[in-house]
């Protein structure tokens, strides 16, 4: 099960967070999202735990809790619907109107 975490303190590292979630069970992967320009944490990330019951327990126990002075939100990650976050069908990001009258 993939878990989404937000509200993370910017100084929290992946190794530390892996250990925290490891208290609930096996952590398959963990990724904190960093800003491309500054290299600083954006305050959110994802954890993948292979055993659903362990993941649900982590969510239940950690959601809304205090983590190093920050209130964190821990929920099941939702897959992005197809078509979001990418280019539009016409590649330009705008609709064409072919029914307009033209005057010259």
Protein backbone atom coordinates (compact mmCIF):
# COMPACT_ATOMS: atom_id res chain seq x y z
CA UNK A 1 0.00 0.00 0.00
CA UNK A 2 1.26 3.45 -0.90
CA UNK A 3 0.97 6.16 1.77
CA UNK A 4 1.06 9.95 1.31
CA UNK A 5 2.55 12.09 4.09
CA UNK A 6 2.35 15.87 4.26
CA UNK A 7 3.38 18.42 6.87
CA UNK A 8 6.86 16.98 7.28
CA UNK A 9 9.52 19.21 8.82
CA UNK A 10 12.00 20.22 6.11
CA UNK A 11 14.94 18.78 8.05
CA UNK A 12 13.56 15.20 8.18
CA UNK A 13 15.56 12.75 6.08
CA UNK A 14 14.49 9.58 4.32
CA UNK A 15 16.54 7.35 6.63
CA UNK A 16 14.84 8.78 9.73
CA UNK A 17 11.36 8.51 8.23
CA UNK A 18 12.03 4.94 7.09
CA UNK A 19 12.91 4.04 10.68
CA UNK A 20 9.70 5.65 11.97
CA UNK A 21 7.48 3.73 9.54
CA UNK A 22 9.59 0.63 10.15
CA UNK A 23 8.14 0.53 13.66
CA UNK A 24 4.84 -0.52 12.04
CA UNK A 25 6.27 -3.06 9.59
CA UNK A 26 8.36 -3.51 6.47
CA UNK A 27 8.99 -0.41 4.35
CA UNK A 28 9.38 -1.30 0.68
CA UNK A 29 10.25 2.24 -0.44
CA UNK A 30 10.19 5.81 0.82
CA UNK A 31 10.58 9.08 -1.08
CA UNK A 32 10.61 12.62 0.28
CA UNK A 33 9.92 15.17 -2.46
CA UNK A 34 12.53 17.90 -2.87
CA UNK A 35 12.33 21.23 -4.71
CA UNK A 36 14.31 21.04 -7.97
CA UNK A 37 15.68 24.57 -7.70
CA UNK A 38 16.52 24.85 -4.00
CA UNK A 39 17.13 21.20 -3.15
CA UNK A 40 15.06 21.64 0.04
CA UNK A 41 12.31 19.29 1.16
CA UNK A 42 8.84 20.32 0.02
CA UNK A 43 7.39 18.84 3.23
CA UNK A 44 5.70 15.80 1.75
CA UNK A 45 6.53 12.32 0.56
CA UNK A 46 5.42 8.77 -0.09
CA UNK A 47 5.96 5.47 1.73
CA UNK A 48 5.20 2.07 0.29
CA UNK A 49 4.51 -0.79 2.68
CA UNK A 50 3.85 -4.26 1.22
CA UNK A 51 1.58 -5.47 4.07
CA UNK A 52 -1.73 -3.60 3.93
CA UNK A 53 -2.61 -4.16 7.60
CA UNK A 54 0.72 -2.66 8.72
CA UNK A 55 0.25 0.32 6.41
CA UNK A 56 -3.27 0.94 7.73
CA UNK A 57 -1.98 0.80 11.30
CA UNK A 58 0.73 3.34 10.46
CA UNK A 59 -1.89 5.64 8.92
CA UNK A 60 -4.22 5.24 11.91
CA UNK A 61 -1.52 5.91 14.50
CA UNK A 62 0.38 8.70 12.72
CA UNK A 63 -2.30 10.76 10.96
CA UNK A 64 -2.82 14.07 12.76
CA UNK A 65 0.10 13.45 15.06
CA UNK A 66 2.98 15.71 16.01
CA UNK A 67 6.25 15.03 14.24
CA UNK A 68 9.16 17.20 15.40
CA UNK A 69 6.79 20.11 16.05
CA UNK A 70 4.74 19.74 12.85
CA UNK A 71 1.24 18.32 12.62
CA UNK A 72 1.42 15.68 9.89
CA UNK A 73 -1.25 14.20 7.67
CA UNK A 74 -0.84 10.52 6.77
CA UNK A 75 -3.33 8.97 4.32
CA UNK A 76 -3.52 6.29 1.66
CA UNK A 77 -2.07 7.69 -1.57
CA UNK A 78 -4.47 8.03 -4.47
CA UNK A 79 -3.33 7.33 -8.02
CA UNK A 80 -3.54 10.30 -10.36
CA UNK A 81 -6.30 9.83 -12.92
CA UNK A 82 -4.94 9.33 -16.41
CA UNK A 83 -4.57 12.55 -18.36
CA UNK A 84 -3.78 14.80 -15.39
CA UNK A 85 -0.43 16.45 -15.05
CA UNK A 86 0.63 15.95 -18.64
CA UNK A 87 0.15 17.71 -21.92
CA UNK A 88 -3.29 18.30 -23.35
CA UNK A 89 -4.41 16.37 -26.43
CA UNK A 90 -3.56 19.17 -28.84
CA UNK A 91 -0.17 19.77 -27.21
CA UNK A 92 -0.72 23.51 -26.93
CA UNK A 93 -2.90 23.71 -23.87
CA UNK A 94 -5.70 25.66 -25.57
CA UNK A 95 -8.83 24.84 -27.57
CA UNK A 96 -9.16 25.66 -31.23
CA UNK A 97 -12.31 27.34 -32.46
CA UNK A 98 -12.81 26.46 -36.10
CA UNK A 99 -16.33 27.91 -36.28
CA UNK A 100 -15.35 31.59 -36.22
CA UNK A 101 -16.18 33.92 -39.08
CA UNK A 102 -13.18 35.43 -40.72
CA UNK A 103 -13.04 38.86 -42.26
CA UNK A 104 -10.22 40.09 -44.44
